[in-house]
Amino acid sequence: MDMSIRQALLKNFMGNSPDWYKLAIITFLIINPLIFFFVDPFIAGWLLVVEFIFTLAMALKCYPLQPGGLLAIEAVIIGMTTPKQIGHEIANNLEVILLLVFMVAGIYFMKQLLLFAFTKLLLSIRSKRLLSLAFCFASAFLSAFLDALTVIAVVISVSLGFYSIYHNFASNQADAELSNDGFIDSTEKKQTLEQFRAFLRSLMMHAGVGTALGGVMTMVGEPQNLIIAKHLEWDFVTFFIRMSPVTIPVFFAGLAVCYLVERFKLFGYGAELPELVRKVLTDYDKKNSEKRTQQEKAQLLIQALIGIWLIIALALHLAEVGIIGLSVIILATTFCGITEEHALGKAFEEALPFTALLTVFFSVVAVIIDQQLFGPIIQFVLQASESSQLSLFYLFNGLLSAISDNVFVGTVYISEALSALQEGLISQSQYEHIGVAINTGTNLPSVATPNGQAAFLFLLTSALSPLIRLSYGRMVMMALPYTIVMTLLGLLAVEFWLVPMTHWLYEIGLIAIP
């Protein structure tokens, strides 16, 4: 039976999203102008922010670009902000957009090397505790220089590849459907598969947390880091040093949690790689290594050299981050034989949706600025003592980042802190301390839920998650020990260590006095 035009329009509106979610968005779009014109623009502005955070929290139902973008367009139409103000926000954060477009695309051409490295890690380290630490450390190190989503995408690729190898072996079919275990007739093989799933779940969670531990340390670790660094006018090395009083202790505490949950088999961790699976995977990797051509070996070498160039260029701040990312694209494609336009285009598929969403973030930030929505919150925070201000900024960022996107939260709060500085409400020194509190607050507590941590959300929505039985609730539970330790230690560091350690760094000449 043919549907009516009205039904077709409703069906097309936000595609496969649940009907209740579609209805919620339509309701938002209807009530916003009514409240703006007939009640109070301030209330309408706050309602828009809450609605936008709701779309971020519901990312699994629909990518936030569509519903959030509709809210942003409506905000411009009814006069909550102006295209000029949005353009101003975009211009101020152009480096971040360049980072996402070019750096993420650049790392796409280094996946071959990353896959090789993680494969060797998994097969060469027999101790599960050491392997977990290695995965966590490697993810942290890479996420300090590369995009966290790219790092987790590589780990997912490795795990998915290994899962399919063993699943095909166990089912005696070369191309068996991975979600169908019906072909596996042996009870022993089914038990082995369940253990393998538990093993992969724990590794994926360690890697996901690792991206947060490393991503908080540097200005390129997360997009909001670069926004904060730009506001504070810090280069790569300065950013790392200024964050270190908080990030270094939290990093080692994160590794300690990684070891302890594996050692005592807590929160769903501790599963070993079954010996049968190890044998199957090792045999497969050996055959692959034998088949690797000289050309492929040369590509791995080139990618390793580009990785070294990337670290040096970022550390010495040889150019804007996005430009360094563009150099990676040029070098990697030139020396690895990629010359076709369509092959280049694939690299940008991951980056551009989030770049578009980031522009919507800036639109909502423009609304916040124009309507002065955070004025009361900032006034409340600034009434507290200077040390308490840091803790409050950390906690406010942390709570919001656990359910919302970190980039949005970080952008809002650093903009408000800058306004407080310009109005003479805080000193330059306090502004810089607040910048550290905001950065660590948006990154560390965000591991609490998949909504807060982009790497977790990416993992949850990947093809791997249903195969290894990694649900939303299970992710929250497995992240819980990390959440508690990282959040509390980060808070203690911000409250008690940040200021005295920063003064010590001044005294020994590692950072300049503002």
Protein backbone atom coordinates (compact mmCIF):
# COMPACT_ATOMS: atom_id res chain seq x y z
CA MET A 1 0.00 0.00 0.00
CA ASP A 2 1.35 3.42 -1.05
CA MET A 3 1.90 5.88 1.77
CA SER A 4 0.61 9.44 1.67
CA ILE A 5 2.90 12.44 1.14
CA ARG A 6 2.55 13.31 4.86
CA GLN A 7 3.62 9.79 5.87
CA ALA A 8 6.48 9.87 3.36
CA LEU A 9 7.72 13.20 4.72
CA LEU A 10 7.60 11.87 8.28
CA LYS A 11 9.40 8.71 7.19
CA ASN A 12 12.13 10.70 5.46
CA PHE A 13 12.52 13.16 8.36
CA MET A 14 15.63 11.97 10.26
CA GLY A 15 15.44 8.58 8.54
CA ASN A 16 15.47 5.55 10.85
CA SER A 17 15.41 7.50 14.12
CA PRO A 18 12.65 6.42 16.54
CA ASP A 19 9.31 8.20 16.10
CA TRP A 20 9.44 9.54 19.68
CA TYR A 21 12.80 11.16 18.92
CA LYS A 22 11.48 12.73 15.71
CA LEU A 23 8.48 14.07 17.65
CA ALA A 24 10.79 15.50 20.35
CA ILE A 25 12.83 17.44 17.76
CA ILE A 26 9.66 18.77 16.06
CA THR A 27 8.34 19.85 19.48
CA PHE A 28 11.63 21.66 20.21
CA LEU A 29 11.42 23.52 16.91
CA ILE A 30 7.83 24.63 17.66
CA ILE A 31 8.26 25.78 21.27
CA ASN A 32 11.62 27.59 20.91
CA PRO A 33 10.31 30.63 18.99
CA LEU A 34 7.22 30.80 21.22
CA ILE A 35 9.34 31.02 24.36
CA PHE A 36 11.84 33.40 22.70
CA PHE A 37 9.20 35.92 21.61
CA PHE A 38 6.52 35.55 24.29
CA VAL A 39 8.32 34.47 27.47
CA ASP A 40 12.04 35.32 27.79
CA PRO A 41 15.00 35.14 25.33
CA PHE A 42 17.29 34.03 28.19
CA ILE A 43 15.05 31.04 29.00
CA ALA A 44 14.73 30.23 25.30
CA GLY A 45 18.52 30.29 24.94
CA TRP A 46 19.02 27.92 27.83
CA LEU A 47 16.29 25.65 26.48
CA LEU A 48 18.15 25.53 23.15
CA VAL A 49 21.40 24.55 24.93
CA VAL A 50 19.62 21.76 26.87
CA GLU A 51 17.97 20.54 23.65
CA PHE A 52 21.33 20.54 21.88
CA ILE A 53 22.96 18.57 24.71
CA PHE A 54 20.03 16.15 24.42
CA THR A 55 20.84 15.59 20.71
CA LEU A 56 24.48 14.89 21.66
CA ALA A 57 23.41 12.41 24.34
CA MET A 58 21.12 10.69 21.79
CA ALA A 59 23.92 10.26 19.25
CA LEU A 60 23.12 6.54 18.95
CA LYS A 61 19.58 7.37 17.77
CA CYS A 62 20.69 9.94 15.18
CA TYR A 63 23.99 11.65 14.41
CA PRO A 64 23.75 15.06 16.16
CA LEU A 65 24.52 17.04 12.99
CA GLN A 66 20.94 16.78 11.72
CA PRO A 67 18.84 17.58 14.82
CA GLY A 68 21.47 19.92 16.26
CA GLY A 69 21.84 21.64 12.90
CA LEU A 70 18.07 22.25 12.69
CA LEU A 71 18.15 23.85 16.14
CA ALA A 72 21.10 26.05 15.10
CA ILE A 73 19.37 27.17 11.88
CA GLU A 74 16.23 28.02 13.85
CA ALA A 75 18.30 30.00 16.37
CA VAL A 76 19.63 32.19 13.55
CA ILE A 77 16.18 32.64 11.96
CA ILE A 78 14.49 33.81 15.18
CA GLY A 79 17.39 36.08 16.15
CA MET A 80 19.12 34.25 19.03
CA THR A 81 22.39 34.85 17.18
CA THR A 82 23.59 36.13 13.81
CA PRO A 83 25.50 34.60 10.88
CA LYS A 84 28.18 37.23 11.54
CA GLN A 85 28.71 35.99 15.13
CA ILE A 86 28.84 32.38 13.91
CA GLY A 87 31.37 33.36 11.25
CA HIS A 88 33.43 35.08 13.96
CA GLU A 89 33.45 31.90 16.09
CA ILE A 90 34.45 29.77 13.08
CA ALA A 91 37.24 32.20 12.13
CA ASN A 92 38.56 32.12 15.70
CA ASN A 93 38.72 28.32 15.60
CA LEU A 94 39.93 27.77 12.06
CA GLU A 95 42.99 25.86 13.33
CA VAL A 96 40.69 23.29 14.91
CA ILE A 97 38.79 22.80 11.66
CA LEU A 98 42.08 22.40 9.78
CA LEU A 99 43.18 19.87 12.41
CA LEU A 100 40.11 17.74 11.87
CA VAL A 101 40.14 17.96 8.09
CA PHE A 102 43.83 17.39 7.42
CA MET A 103 45.26 15.62 10.47
CA VAL A 104 42.56 12.93 10.63
CA ALA A 105 42.83 12.41 6.87
CA GLY A 106 46.62 12.28 7.11
CA ILE A 107 46.59 9.55 9.72
CA TYR A 108 44.29 7.51 7.43
CA PHE A 109 47.32 6.95 5.21
CA MET A 110 49.31 5.61 8.17
CA LYS A 111 46.81 2.94 9.19
CA GLN A 112 48.93 0.23 7.57
CA LEU A 113 51.77 0.95 10.01
CA LEU A 114 49.45 1.18 13.01
CA LEU A 115 47.75 -2.11 12.11
CA PHE A 116 51.16 -3.75 11.81
CA ALA A 117 52.26 -2.40 15.21
CA PHE A 118 49.13 -3.45 17.14
CA THR A 119 49.14 -6.89 15.48
CA LYS A 120 52.72 -7.51 16.59
CA LEU A 121 51.87 -6.30 20.10
CA LEU A 122 48.95 -8.69 20.43
CA LEU A 123 50.81 -11.74 19.19
CA SER A 124 54.24 -11.18 20.76
CA ILE A 125 53.22 -10.45 24.38
CA ARG A 126 51.87 -13.55 26.11
CA SER A 127 51.12 -12.04 29.53
CA LYS A 128 47.62 -10.53 29.56
CA ARG A 129 48.60 -7.93 32.17
CA LEU A 130 51.59 -6.78 30.15
CA LEU A 131 49.54 -6.84 26.95
CA SER A 132 46.80 -4.72 28.54
CA LEU A 133 49.39 -2.21 29.76
CA ALA A 134 50.99 -2.20 26.31
CA PHE A 135 47.65 -1.53 24.56
CA CYS A 136 46.74 1.19 27.06
CA PHE A 137 50.19 2.83 26.82
CA ALA A 138 50.36 2.57 23.01
CA SER A 139 46.88 4.09 22.62
CA ALA A 140 47.81 6.89 25.04
CA PHE A 141 51.09 7.64 23.25
CA LEU A 142 49.52 7.64 19.80
CA SER A 143 46.52 9.71 20.94
CA ALA A 144 48.89 12.40 22.21
CA PHE A 145 49.97 13.01 18.60
CA LEU A 146 47.18 11.56 16.49
CA ASP A 147 43.40 11.72 16.43
CA ALA A 148 41.92 9.42 19.11
CA LEU A 149 39.19 8.15 16.76
CA THR A 150 41.81 7.05 14.25
CA VAL A 151 43.75 5.20 16.94
CA ILE A 152 40.66 3.37 18.21
CA ALA A 153 39.60 2.67 14.60
CA VAL A 154 42.91 0.88 14.05
CA VAL A 155 42.53 -1.18 17.23
CA ILE A 156 38.96 -2.07 16.13
CA SER A 157 40.30 -3.14 12.71
CA VAL A 158 42.91 -5.39 14.33
CA SER A 159 40.37 -6.96 16.72
CA LEU A 160 37.72 -7.40 14.01
CA GLY A 161 40.27 -9.02 11.71
CA PHE A 162 41.42 -11.46 14.39
CA TYR A 163 37.84 -12.23 15.43
CA SER A 164 36.89 -13.09 11.85
CA ILE A 165 39.99 -15.31 11.44
CA TYR A 166 39.13 -17.43 14.46
CA HIS A 167 35.36 -17.40 13.76
CA ASN A 168 35.97 -18.70 10.23
CA PHE A 169 38.31 -21.37 11.62
CA ALA A 170 35.83 -22.47 14.29
CA SER A 171 32.90 -22.60 11.84
CA ASN A 172 34.98 -24.34 9.13
CA GLN A 173 33.80 -21.71 6.61
CA ALA A 174 35.96 -19.22 4.76
CA ASP A 175 33.31 -16.52 4.64
CA ALA A 176 30.96 -17.38 7.53
CA GLU A 177 28.64 -14.65 8.80
CA LEU A 178 30.39 -13.32 11.91
CA SER A 179 27.18 -12.74 13.85
CA ASN A 180 26.07 -16.36 13.36
CA ASP A 181 27.59 -18.91 15.76
CA GLY A 182 25.29 -21.71 14.56
CA PHE A 183 27.99 -23.20 12.35
CA ILE A 184 30.24 -23.80 15.37
CA ASP A 185 29.26 -27.33 16.41
CA SER A 186 31.81 -28.03 19.12
CA THR A 187 31.08 -26.96 22.72
CA GLU A 188 34.81 -26.47 23.30
CA LYS A 189 35.06 -24.10 20.33
CA LYS A 190 32.02 -22.13 21.55
CA GLN A 191 33.56 -21.77 25.02
CA THR A 192 36.83 -20.70 23.44
CA LEU A 193 34.97 -18.11 21.37
CA GLU A 194 33.27 -16.70 24.49
CA GLN A 195 36.64 -16.42 26.23
CA PHE A 196 38.09 -14.75 23.13
CA ARG A 197 35.21 -12.24 23.18
CA ALA A 198 35.91 -11.39 26.83
CA PHE A 199 39.61 -11.02 25.98
CA LEU A 200 38.88 -8.60 23.12
CA ARG A 201 36.35 -6.62 25.23
CA SER A 202 38.95 -5.93 27.89
CA LEU A 203 41.61 -4.95 25.35
CA MET A 204 39.24 -2.58 23.55
CA MET A 205 38.29 -0.87 26.83
CA HIS A 206 41.95 -0.49 27.86
CA ALA A 207 42.72 1.02 24.46
CA GLY A 208 39.70 3.36 24.69
CA VAL A 209 40.75 4.63 28.11
CA GLY A 210 44.31 4.95 26.81
CA THR A 211 43.14 7.43 24.18
CA ALA A 212 41.69 9.59 26.99
CA LEU A 213 44.87 9.33 29.11
CA GLY A 214 47.07 10.41 26.20
CA GLY A 215 44.59 12.73 24.53
CA VAL A 216 44.40 15.07 27.55
CA MET A 217 48.17 15.69 27.54
CA THR A 218 48.76 17.58 24.29
CA MET A 219 47.10 20.32 22.25
CA VAL A 220 46.39 17.89 19.38
CA GLY A 221 45.12 15.04 21.54
CA GLU A 222 41.49 16.22 21.31
CA PRO A 223 39.88 19.02 19.26
CA GLN A 224 38.87 20.99 22.38
CA ASN A 225 42.52 20.93 23.52
CA LEU A 226 43.49 22.96 20.46
CA ILE A 227 40.67 25.44 21.10
CA ILE A 228 41.87 25.88 24.69
CA ALA A 229 45.52 26.14 23.56
CA LYS A 230 44.58 28.85 21.04
CA HIS A 231 42.72 30.87 23.68
CA LEU A 232 45.70 30.59 26.03
CA GLU A 233 48.26 31.15 23.23
CA TRP A 234 50.27 28.04 24.17
CA ASP A 235 52.40 26.01 21.78
CA PHE A 236 52.71 22.21 21.82
CA VAL A 237 55.49 21.96 24.43
CA THR A 238 54.04 24.67 26.70
CA PHE A 239 50.63 23.00 26.65
CA PHE A 240 52.16 19.64 27.62
CA ILE A 241 54.18 21.13 30.49
CA ARG A 242 51.29 23.24 31.83
CA MET A 243 48.97 20.22 31.88
CA SER A 244 51.58 17.88 33.39
CA PRO A 245 50.84 18.57 37.11
CA VAL A 246 47.44 16.95 36.50
CA THR A 247 47.95 14.68 33.51
CA ILE A 248 51.14 12.86 34.56
CA PRO A 249 49.81 11.56 37.94
CA VAL A 250 46.50 10.61 36.30
CA PHE A 251 48.36 8.80 33.51
CA PHE A 252 50.27 6.56 35.93
CA ALA A 253 47.15 6.03 38.03
CA GLY A 254 45.31 4.92 34.86
CA LEU A 255 48.05 2.38 34.10
CA ALA A 256 47.85 1.16 37.72
CA VAL A 257 44.08 0.62 37.36
CA CYS A 258 44.73 -1.25 34.11
CA TYR A 259 47.12 -3.62 35.90
CA LEU A 260 44.94 -4.12 39.00
CA VAL A 261 41.67 -4.93 37.20
CA GLU A 262 43.53 -7.50 35.12
CA ARG A 263 45.45 -8.88 38.09
CA PHE A 264 42.34 -9.40 40.22
CA LYS A 265 39.88 -10.01 37.34
CA LEU A 266 37.55 -7.17 38.38
CA PHE A 267 34.74 -5.40 36.43
CA GLY A 268 34.76 -7.93 33.59
CA TYR A 269 38.53 -7.87 32.99
CA GLY A 270 41.10 -10.64 33.27
CA ALA A 271 40.18 -13.01 30.40
CA GLU A 272 43.22 -14.62 28.75
CA LEU A 273 43.76 -15.26 25.06
CA PRO A 274 42.92 -18.96 24.53
CA GLU A 275 45.91 -20.96 23.31
CA LEU A 276 43.93 -22.40 20.37
CA VAL A 277 43.09 -18.86 19.20
CA ARG A 278 46.71 -17.74 19.63
CA LYS A 279 47.91 -20.64 17.45
CA VAL A 280 45.34 -19.86 14.72
CA LEU A 281 46.20 -16.13 14.72
CA THR A 282 49.97 -16.70 14.80
CA ASP A 283 49.79 -19.10 11.85
CA TYR A 284 47.71 -16.58 9.90
CA ASP A 285 50.11 -13.70 10.66
CA LYS A 286 53.12 -15.85 9.67
CA LYS A 287 51.55 -16.59 6.28
CA ASN A 288 50.75 -12.88 5.80
CA SER A 289 54.31 -11.85 6.67
CA GLU A 290 55.71 -14.31 4.15
CA LYS A 291 53.43 -12.87 1.46
CA ARG A 292 54.37 -9.21 2.24
CA THR A 293 56.10 -7.71 -0.82
CA GLN A 294 59.14 -5.44 -0.85
CA GLN A 295 56.86 -2.63 -1.94
CA GLU A 296 54.65 -3.12 1.14
CA LYS A 297 57.74 -3.24 3.40
CA ALA A 298 58.91 0.05 1.86
CA GLN A 299 55.50 1.59 2.60
CA LEU A 300 55.78 0.59 6.27
CA LEU A 301 59.24 2.20 6.44
CA ILE A 302 58.00 5.42 4.83
CA GLN A 303 55.04 5.60 7.22
CA ALA A 304 57.38 5.13 10.20
CA LEU A 305 59.56 8.02 9.00
CA ILE A 306 56.46 10.20 8.49
CA GLY A 307 55.41 9.36 12.06
CA ILE A 308 58.78 10.64 13.31
CA TRP A 309 58.36 13.80 11.20
CA LEU A 310 54.89 14.33 12.67
CA ILE A 311 56.13 14.14 16.27
CA ILE A 312 59.08 16.49 15.59
CA ALA A 313 56.96 19.00 13.65
CA LEU A 314 54.33 19.12 16.41
CA ALA A 315 56.86 19.33 19.25
CA LEU A 316 58.79 22.19 17.59
CA HIS A 317 55.56 23.86 16.37
CA LEU A 318 56.97 24.18 12.84
CA ALA A 319 53.55 25.13 11.45
CA GLU A 320 49.86 25.21 12.37
CA VAL A 321 48.62 21.75 13.28
CA GLY A 322 46.35 21.45 10.23
CA ILE A 323 49.21 22.37 7.90
CA ILE A 324 51.39 19.66 9.47
CA GLY A 325 48.51 17.25 8.87
CA LEU A 326 48.41 18.33 5.22
CA SER A 327 52.15 17.64 4.92
CA VAL A 328 51.49 14.11 6.22
CA ILE A 329 48.87 13.59 3.49
CA ILE A 330 51.26 14.82 0.77
CA LEU A 331 54.23 12.77 1.98
CA ALA A 332 52.27 9.57 2.68
CA THR A 333 50.42 9.56 -0.63
CA THR A 334 53.47 10.58 -2.69
CA PHE A 335 55.80 7.91 -1.33
CA CYS A 336 53.20 5.15 -0.97
CA GLY A 337 51.95 5.35 -4.55
CA ILE A 338 48.48 6.87 -3.94
CA THR A 339 47.71 9.26 -6.79
CA GLU A 340 44.01 8.80 -7.72
CA GLU A 341 41.47 11.36 -6.54
CA HIS A 342 38.95 8.74 -5.33
CA ALA A 343 41.62 7.07 -3.18
CA LEU A 344 42.39 10.42 -1.57
CA GLY A 345 38.69 11.10 -1.01
CA LYS A 346 38.24 8.08 1.25
CA ALA A 347 40.59 9.65 3.78
CA PHE A 348 38.26 12.59 4.33
CA GLU A 349 35.12 10.52 4.94
CA GLU A 350 35.83 10.14 8.68
CA ALA A 351 36.71 13.78 9.32
CA LEU A 352 34.12 15.81 7.45
CA PRO A 353 30.92 14.76 9.33
CA PHE A 354 32.47 15.82 12.63
CA THR A 355 33.88 18.99 11.07
CA ALA A 356 30.33 19.91 10.02
CA LEU A 357 29.08 19.11 13.54
CA LEU A 358 31.84 21.29 14.99
CA THR A 359 30.51 24.23 12.98
CA VAL A 360 27.10 23.61 14.58
CA PHE A 361 28.86 23.67 17.99
CA PHE A 362 30.20 27.10 17.17
CA SER A 363 26.68 28.22 16.23
CA VAL A 364 25.38 27.19 19.66
CA VAL A 365 28.40 28.88 21.31
CA ALA A 366 27.44 32.04 19.40
CA VAL A 367 23.93 31.79 20.94
CA ILE A 368 25.46 31.40 24.41
CA ILE A 369 27.63 34.50 23.87
CA ASP A 370 24.87 36.65 22.37
CA GLN A 371 22.32 35.71 25.05
CA GLN A 372 24.93 35.74 27.88
CA LEU A 373 23.61 32.38 29.09
CA PHE A 374 26.56 31.40 31.25
CA GLY A 375 26.81 34.76 33.00
CA PRO A 376 25.10 33.59 36.25
CA ILE A 377 27.17 30.36 36.40
CA ILE A 378 30.44 32.20 35.86
CA GLN A 379 29.49 34.79 38.50
CA PHE A 380 28.74 31.97 40.95
CA VAL A 381 32.10 30.33 40.27
CA LEU A 382 34.05 33.59 40.49
CA GLN A 383 32.60 34.35 43.92
CA ALA A 384 34.48 31.33 45.31
CA SER A 385 38.15 31.37 46.34
CA GLU A 386 40.75 31.00 43.59
CA SER A 387 41.51 27.33 44.41
CA SER A 388 37.80 26.53 44.60
CA GLN A 389 37.27 28.20 41.22
CA LEU A 390 39.58 25.65 39.66
CA SER A 391 37.74 22.72 41.26
CA LEU A 392 34.35 24.11 40.25
CA PHE A 393 35.44 24.59 36.63
CA TYR A 394 36.82 21.02 36.63
CA LEU A 395 33.62 19.55 38.11
CA PHE A 396 31.20 21.55 35.92
CA ASN A 397 33.14 20.50 32.83
CA GLY A 398 33.40 16.91 34.03
CA LEU A 399 29.70 16.47 34.76
CA LEU A 400 28.66 17.94 31.42
CA SER A 401 31.37 16.08 29.49
CA ALA A 402 30.17 12.73 30.87
CA ILE A 403 26.89 13.10 28.94
CA SER A 404 27.74 15.56 26.20
CA ASP A 405 30.44 16.21 23.62
CA ASN A 406 33.73 17.40 25.08
CA VAL A 407 34.45 19.83 22.27
CA PHE A 408 31.21 21.70 22.86
CA VAL A 409 31.71 21.84 26.63
CA GLY A 410 35.35 22.93 26.40
CA THR A 411 34.57 25.62 23.80
CA VAL A 412 31.79 27.11 25.95
CA TYR A 413 33.75 27.27 29.20
CA ILE A 414 37.06 28.57 27.79
CA SER A 415 35.11 31.32 25.97
CA GLU A 416 33.45 32.29 29.26
CA ALA A 417 36.79 32.24 31.09
CA LEU A 418 38.29 34.52 28.42
CA SER A 419 35.37 36.94 28.84
CA ALA A 420 35.99 36.99 32.63
CA LEU A 421 39.66 37.83 31.97
CA GLN A 422 38.80 40.63 29.55
CA GLU A 423 36.37 42.10 32.07
CA GLY A 424 39.08 42.09 34.75
CA LEU A 425 37.29 39.54 36.96
CA ILE A 426 40.29 37.16 37.02
CA SER A 427 44.06 37.58 36.60
CA GLN A 428 46.07 36.23 33.66
CA SER A 429 47.64 33.64 35.96
CA GLN A 430 44.26 32.45 37.24
CA TYR A 431 42.93 32.36 33.66
CA GLU A 432 45.74 29.99 32.70
CA HIS A 433 45.08 27.75 35.72
CA ILE A 434 41.37 27.70 34.79
CA GLY A 435 42.40 26.66 31.24
CA VAL A 436 44.14 23.60 32.72
CA ALA A 437 41.08 22.81 34.87
CA ILE A 438 38.77 23.08 31.84
CA ASN A 439 40.97 20.89 29.64
CA THR A 440 41.39 18.14 32.23
CA GLY A 441 37.72 18.41 33.24
CA THR A 442 36.50 17.85 29.68
CA ASN A 443 38.82 14.88 29.13
CA LEU A 444 39.19 12.80 32.30
CA PRO A 445 35.63 12.34 33.72
CA SER A 446 34.29 11.86 30.19
CA VAL A 447 35.28 8.16 30.23
CA ALA A 448 32.21 7.57 32.43
CA THR A 449 29.89 6.98 29.46
CA PRO A 450 30.14 6.41 25.71
CA ASN A 451 28.38 9.76 25.24
CA GLY A 452 31.26 11.59 26.84
CA GLN A 453 34.17 9.80 25.27
CA ALA A 454 34.29 9.90 21.46
CA ALA A 455 36.47 6.78 21.29
CA PHE A 456 33.92 4.81 23.35
CA LEU A 457 31.02 6.02 21.20
CA PHE A 458 32.92 5.07 18.06
CA LEU A 459 33.60 1.62 19.54
CA LEU A 460 29.99 1.15 20.63
CA THR A 461 28.66 1.93 17.16
CA SER A 462 31.29 -0.18 15.36
CA ALA A 463 30.69 -3.58 13.74
CA LEU A 464 32.89 -5.16 16.44
CA SER A 465 30.73 -4.30 19.48
CA PRO A 466 27.83 -6.74 18.87
CA LEU A 467 30.30 -9.49 17.99
CA ILE A 468 32.17 -9.23 21.30
CA ARG A 469 28.93 -8.53 23.26
CA LEU A 470 29.96 -5.02 24.28
CA SER A 471 26.78 -3.14 25.19
CA TYR A 472 26.28 0.40 26.52
CA GLY A 473 25.74 -0.83 30.09
CA ARG A 474 28.75 -3.13 29.98
CA MET A 475 30.96 -0.28 28.75
CA VAL A 476 29.83 1.95 31.63
CA MET A 477 30.54 -0.85 34.13
CA MET A 478 33.97 -1.69 32.68
CA ALA A 479 34.89 2.01 32.59
CA LEU A 480 33.78 2.55 36.22
CA PRO A 481 37.13 1.88 37.99
CA TYR A 482 38.88 4.19 35.52
CA THR A 483 36.17 6.84 35.93
CA ILE A 484 36.45 6.89 39.73
CA VAL A 485 40.25 6.96 39.91
CA MET A 486 40.86 9.39 37.01
CA THR A 487 38.11 11.83 38.08
CA LEU A 488 39.04 11.94 41.77
CA LEU A 489 42.78 12.11 41.22
CA GLY A 490 42.29 14.81 38.58
CA LEU A 491 40.18 16.81 41.07
CA LEU A 492 42.81 16.45 43.82
CA ALA A 493 45.54 17.51 41.40
CA VAL A 494 43.61 20.60 40.27
CA GLU A 495 42.73 21.55 43.86
CA PHE A 496 46.07 20.95 45.62
CA TRP A 497 48.95 20.42 43.17
CA LEU A 498 48.29 22.55 40.11
CA VAL A 499 49.18 25.97 41.46
CA PRO A 500 52.29 25.04 43.53
CA MET A 501 53.62 22.76 40.74
CA THR A 502 53.09 25.52 38.17
CA HIS A 503 55.06 27.96 40.36
CA TRP A 504 57.84 25.37 40.63
CA LEU A 505 57.88 25.02 36.83
CA TYR A 506 58.25 28.82 36.65
CA GLU A 507 61.15 28.73 39.08
CA ILE A 508 63.11 26.11 37.16
CA GLY A 509 62.54 27.97 33.90
CA LEU A 510 60.40 25.44 32.01
CA ILE A 511 57.56 27.92 31.50
CA ALA A 512 57.47 31.70 31.27
CA ILE A 513 55.72 33.92 33.81
CA PRO A 514 52.63 35.52 32.25
